[in-house]
Amino acid sequence: MTDPTPAPGRPGNQPAPGRPRWVNVFAIVVIALILAVVIVHLAGGGMGGHS
């Protein structure tokens, strides 16, 4: 059996490129900020009244 023909625009059987690095970094920063807000809230120091 022969190899299937490659998809148009991609030579050979190379996989499609992954996500750009900035997307991964942005996701990590957002997750870290969310975790920081949750930890401060659970520790009793956040989202209190403004009196």
PDB file of N, CA and C in Angstrom:
ATOM      1  N   MET A   1       0.842  -1.170   0.000  1.00  0.00           N
ATOM      2  CA  MET A   1       0.000   0.000   0.000  1.00  0.00           C
ATOM      3  C   MET A   1       0.890   1.236   0.000  1.00  0.00           C
ATOM      4  N   THR A   2       0.531   2.227  -0.759  1.00  0.00           N
ATOM      5  CA  THR A   2       1.355   3.436  -0.859  1.00  0.00           C
ATOM      6  C   THR A   2       0.891   4.482   0.146  1.00  0.00           C
ATOM      7  N   ASP A   3       1.758   5.449   0.371  1.00  0.00           N
ATOM      8  CA  ASP A   3       1.405   6.553   1.271  1.00  0.00           C
ATOM      9  C   ASP A   3       0.304   7.401   0.653  1.00  0.00           C
ATOM     10  N   PRO A   4      -0.608   7.932   1.482  1.00  0.00           N
ATOM     11  CA  PRO A   4      -1.641   8.814   0.942  1.00  0.00           C
ATOM     12  C   PRO A   4      -1.018  10.119   0.451  1.00  0.00           C
ATOM     13  N   THR A   5      -1.696  10.771  -0.436  1.00  0.00           N
ATOM     14  CA  THR A   5      -1.167  12.034  -0.954  1.00  0.00           C
ATOM     15  C   THR A   5      -1.221  13.086   0.140  1.00  0.00           C
ATOM     16  N   PRO A   6      -0.217  13.968   0.210  1.00  0.00           N
ATOM     17  CA  PRO A   6      -0.195  14.987   1.259  1.00  0.00           C
ATOM     18  C   PRO A   6      -1.313  16.010   1.063  1.00  0.00           C
ATOM     19  N   ALA A   7      -1.685  16.645   2.165  1.00  0.00           N
ATOM     20  CA  ALA A   7      -2.716  17.687   2.106  1.00  0.00           C
ATOM     21  C   ALA A   7      -2.179  18.884   1.327  1.00  0.00           C
ATOM     22  N   PRO A   8      -3.041  19.596   0.638  1.00  0.00           N
ATOM     23  CA  PRO A   8      -2.582  20.772  -0.105  1.00  0.00           C
ATOM     24  C   PRO A   8      -1.986  21.812   0.825  1.00  0.00           C
ATOM     25  N   GLY A   9      -0.886  22.400   0.418  1.00  0.00           N
ATOM     26  CA  GLY A   9      -0.249  23.436   1.215  1.00  0.00           C
ATOM     27  C   GLY A   9       0.767  22.921   2.215  1.00  0.00           C
ATOM     28  N   ARG A  10       0.800  21.621   2.449  1.00  0.00           N
ATOM     29  CA  ARG A  10       1.775  21.058   3.387  1.00  0.00           C
ATOM     30  C   ARG A  10       2.565  19.981   2.660  1.00  0.00           C
ATOM     31  N   PRO A  11       3.844  20.219   2.449  1.00  0.00           N
ATOM     32  CA  PRO A  11       4.653  19.204   1.768  1.00  0.00           C
ATOM     33  C   PRO A  11       4.894  17.989   2.652  1.00  0.00           C
ATOM     34  N   GLY A  12       4.822  16.829   2.075  1.00  0.00           N
ATOM     35  CA  GLY A  12       5.099  15.598   2.813  1.00  0.00           C
ATOM     36  C   GLY A  12       4.042  15.329   3.867  1.00  0.00           C
ATOM     37  N   ASN A  13       4.431  14.625   4.888  1.00  0.00           N
ATOM     38  CA  ASN A  13       3.519  14.285   5.982  1.00  0.00           C
ATOM     39  C   ASN A  13       3.863  15.049   7.247  1.00  0.00           C
ATOM     40  N   GLN A  14       4.301  16.303   7.098  1.00  0.00           N
ATOM     41  CA  GLN A  14       4.662  17.093   8.269  1.00  0.00           C
ATOM     42  C   GLN A  14       3.400  17.546   8.986  1.00  0.00           C
ATOM     43  N   PRO A  15       3.393  17.472  10.327  1.00  0.00           N
ATOM     44  CA  PRO A  15       2.219  17.925  11.074  1.00  0.00           C
ATOM     45  C   PRO A  15       2.069  19.433  11.005  1.00  0.00           C
ATOM     46  N   ALA A  16       0.870  19.907  11.241  1.00  0.00           N
ATOM     47  CA  ALA A  16       0.626  21.342  11.256  1.00  0.00           C
ATOM     48  C   ALA A  16       1.377  21.960  12.434  1.00  0.00           C
ATOM     49  N   PRO A  17       1.858  23.186  12.293  1.00  0.00           N
ATOM     50  CA  PRO A  17       2.585  23.812  13.391  1.00  0.00           C
ATOM     51  C   PRO A  17       1.670  24.045  14.588  1.00  0.00           C
ATOM     52  N   GLY A  18       2.269  24.071  15.785  1.00  0.00           N
ATOM     53  CA  GLY A  18       1.498  24.258  17.013  1.00  0.00           C
ATOM     54  C   GLY A  18       1.151  25.714  17.250  1.00  0.00           C
ATOM     55  N   ARG A  19       0.639  25.975  18.458  1.00  0.00           N
ATOM     56  CA  ARG A  19       0.282  27.350  18.824  1.00  0.00           C
ATOM     57  C   ARG A  19       1.536  28.200  18.917  1.00  0.00           C
ATOM     58  N   PRO A  20       1.411  29.492  18.619  1.00  0.00           N
ATOM     59  CA  PRO A  20       2.558  30.391  18.825  1.00  0.00           C
ATOM     60  C   PRO A  20       2.919  30.483  20.307  1.00  0.00           C
ATOM     61  N   ARG A  21       4.156  30.808  20.565  1.00  0.00           N
ATOM     62  CA  ARG A  21       4.643  30.870  21.940  1.00  0.00           C
ATOM     63  C   ARG A  21       3.900  31.933  22.751  1.00  0.00           C
ATOM     64  N   TRP A  22       3.553  33.077  22.120  1.00  0.00           N
ATOM     65  CA  TRP A  22       2.905  34.150  22.870  1.00  0.00           C
ATOM     66  C   TRP A  22       1.534  33.720  23.382  1.00  0.00           C
ATOM     67  N   VAL A  23       0.872  32.806  22.684  1.00  0.00           N
ATOM     68  CA  VAL A  23      -0.433  32.327  23.140  1.00  0.00           C
ATOM     69  C   VAL A  23      -0.257  31.527  24.426  1.00  0.00           C
ATOM     70  N   ASN A  24       0.744  30.678  24.462  1.00  0.00           N
ATOM     71  CA  ASN A  24       1.018  29.889  25.662  1.00  0.00           C
ATOM     72  C   ASN A  24       1.392  30.789  26.845  1.00  0.00           C
ATOM     73  N   VAL A  25       2.245  31.788  26.601  1.00  0.00           N
ATOM     74  CA  VAL A  25       2.667  32.693  27.666  1.00  0.00           C
ATOM     75  C   VAL A  25       1.470  33.482  28.185  1.00  0.00           C
ATOM     76  N   PHE A  26       0.623  33.974  27.277  1.00  0.00           N
ATOM     77  CA  PHE A  26      -0.561  34.735  27.673  1.00  0.00           C
ATOM     78  C   PHE A  26      -1.489  33.876  28.526  1.00  0.00           C
ATOM     79  N   ALA A  27      -1.682  32.629  28.142  1.00  0.00           N
ATOM     80  CA  ALA A  27      -2.552  31.730  28.901  1.00  0.00           C
ATOM     81  C   ALA A  27      -1.994  31.482  30.300  1.00  0.00           C
ATOM     82  N   ILE A  28      -0.702  31.298  30.420  1.00  0.00           N
ATOM     83  CA  ILE A  28      -0.081  31.067  31.728  1.00  0.00           C
ATOM     84  C   ILE A  28      -0.232  32.303  32.612  1.00  0.00           C
ATOM     85  N   VAL A  29      -0.049  33.491  32.047  1.00  0.00           N
ATOM     86  CA  VAL A  29      -0.183  34.727  32.820  1.00  0.00           C
ATOM     87  C   VAL A  29      -1.617  34.899  33.310  1.00  0.00           C
ATOM     88  N   VAL A  30      -2.589  34.639  32.438  1.00  0.00           N
ATOM     89  CA  VAL A  30      -3.997  34.782  32.828  1.00  0.00           C
ATOM     90  C   VAL A  30      -4.350  33.791  33.932  1.00  0.00           C
ATOM     91  N   ILE A  31      -3.919  32.560  33.797  1.00  0.00           N
ATOM     92  CA  ILE A  31      -4.194  31.551  34.826  1.00  0.00           C
ATOM     93  C   ILE A  31      -3.545  31.947  36.147  1.00  0.00           C
ATOM     94  N   ALA A  32      -2.320  32.467  36.106  1.00  0.00           N
ATOM     95  CA  ALA A  32      -1.633  32.881  37.329  1.00  0.00           C
ATOM     96  C   ALA A  32      -2.376  34.031  38.004  1.00  0.00           C
ATOM     97  N   LEU A  33      -2.872  34.992  37.221  1.00  0.00           N
ATOM     98  CA  LEU A  33      -3.621  36.108  37.803  1.00  0.00           C
ATOM     99  C   LEU A  33      -4.927  35.636  38.436  1.00  0.00           C
ATOM    100  N   ILE A  34      -5.618  34.743  37.769  1.00  0.00           N
ATOM    101  CA  ILE A  34      -6.870  34.205  38.325  1.00  0.00           C
ATOM    102  C   ILE A  34      -6.592  33.464  39.628  1.00  0.00           C
ATOM    103  N   LEU A  35      -5.547  32.650  39.643  1.00  0.00           N
ATOM    104  CA  LEU A  35      -5.194  31.932  40.871  1.00  0.00           C
ATOM    105  C   LEU A  35      -4.831  32.896  41.994  1.00  0.00           C
ATOM    106  N   ALA A  36      -4.121  33.977  41.674  1.00  0.00           N
ATOM    107  CA  ALA A  36      -3.749  34.950  42.702  1.00  0.00           C
ATOM    108  C   ALA A  36      -4.988  35.603  43.299  1.00  0.00           C
ATOM    109  N   VAL A  37      -5.963  35.969  42.464  1.00  0.00           N
ATOM    110  CA  VAL A  37      -7.196  36.583  42.960  1.00  0.00           C
ATOM    111  C   VAL A  37      -7.954  35.599  43.841  1.00  0.00           C
ATOM    112  N   VAL A  38      -8.046  34.351  43.420  1.00  0.00           N
ATOM    113  CA  VAL A  38      -8.760  33.341  44.205  1.00  0.00           C
ATOM    114  C   VAL A  38      -8.071  33.106  45.542  1.00  0.00           C
ATOM    115  N   ILE A  39      -6.763  33.033  45.551  1.00  0.00           N
ATOM    116  CA  ILE A  39      -6.027  32.796  46.800  1.00  0.00           C
ATOM    117  C   ILE A  39      -6.199  33.968  47.756  1.00  0.00           C
ATOM    118  N   VAL A  40      -6.118  35.197  47.247  1.00  0.00           N
ATOM    119  CA  VAL A  40      -6.297  36.369  48.108  1.00  0.00           C
ATOM    120  C   VAL A  40      -7.717  36.405  48.651  1.00  0.00           C
ATOM    121  N   HIS A  41      -8.684  36.068  47.822  1.00  0.00           N
ATOM    122  CA  HIS A  41     -10.087  36.048  48.259  1.00  0.00           C
ATOM    123  C   HIS A  41     -10.300  35.000  49.358  1.00  0.00           C
ATOM    124  N   LEU A  42      -9.760  33.819  49.153  1.00  0.00           N
ATOM    125  CA  LEU A  42      -9.928  32.741  50.140  1.00  0.00           C
ATOM    126  C   LEU A  42      -9.169  33.033  51.432  1.00  0.00           C
ATOM    127  N   ALA A  43      -8.108  33.813  51.349  1.00  0.00           N
ATOM    128  CA  ALA A  43      -7.330  34.166  52.538  1.00  0.00           C
ATOM    129  C   ALA A  43      -8.025  35.256  53.342  1.00  0.00           C
ATOM    130  N   GLY A  44      -9.088  35.832  52.796  1.00  0.00           N
ATOM    131  CA  GLY A  44      -9.843  36.831  53.538  1.00  0.00           C
ATOM    132  C   GLY A  44      -9.442  38.245  53.267  1.00  0.00           C
ATOM    133  N   GLY A  45      -8.611  38.477  52.276  1.00  0.00           N
ATOM    134  CA  GLY A  45      -8.142  39.842  52.042  1.00  0.00           C
ATOM    135  C   GLY A  45      -8.724  40.516  50.816  1.00  0.00           C
ATOM    136  N   GLY A  46      -9.576  39.837  50.095  1.00  0.00           N
ATOM    137  CA  GLY A  46     -10.051  40.451  48.854  1.00  0.00           C
ATOM    138  C   GLY A  46     -11.538  40.505  48.733  1.00  0.00           C
ATOM    139  N   MET A  47     -11.998  41.348  47.847  1.00  0.00           N
ATOM    140  CA  MET A  47     -13.395  41.504  47.495  1.00  0.00           C
ATOM    141  C   MET A  47     -14.253  41.873  48.700  1.00  0.00           C
ATOM    142  N   GLY A  48     -13.699  42.661  49.591  1.00  0.00           N
ATOM    143  CA  GLY A  48     -14.437  43.118  50.759  1.00  0.00           C
ATOM    144  C   GLY A  48     -15.217  44.386  50.463  1.00  0.00           C
ATOM    145  N   GLY A  49     -15.847  44.926  51.506  1.00  0.00           N
ATOM    146  CA  GLY A  49     -16.596  46.162  51.336  1.00  0.00           C
ATOM    147  C   GLY A  49     -15.681  47.362  51.154  1.00  0.00           C
ATOM    148  N   HIS A  50     -16.203  48.430  50.561  1.00  0.00           N
ATOM    149  CA  HIS A  50     -15.419  49.643  50.311  1.00  0.00           C
ATOM    150  C   HIS A  50     -15.876  50.750  51.251  1.00  0.00           C
ATOM    151  N   SER A  51     -15.852  50.498  52.542  1.00  0.00           N
ATOM    152  CA  SER A  51     -16.344  51.518  53.473  1.00  0.00           C
ATOM    153  C   SER A  51     -15.218  52.235  54.184  1.00  0.00           C
TER     154      SER A  51
END
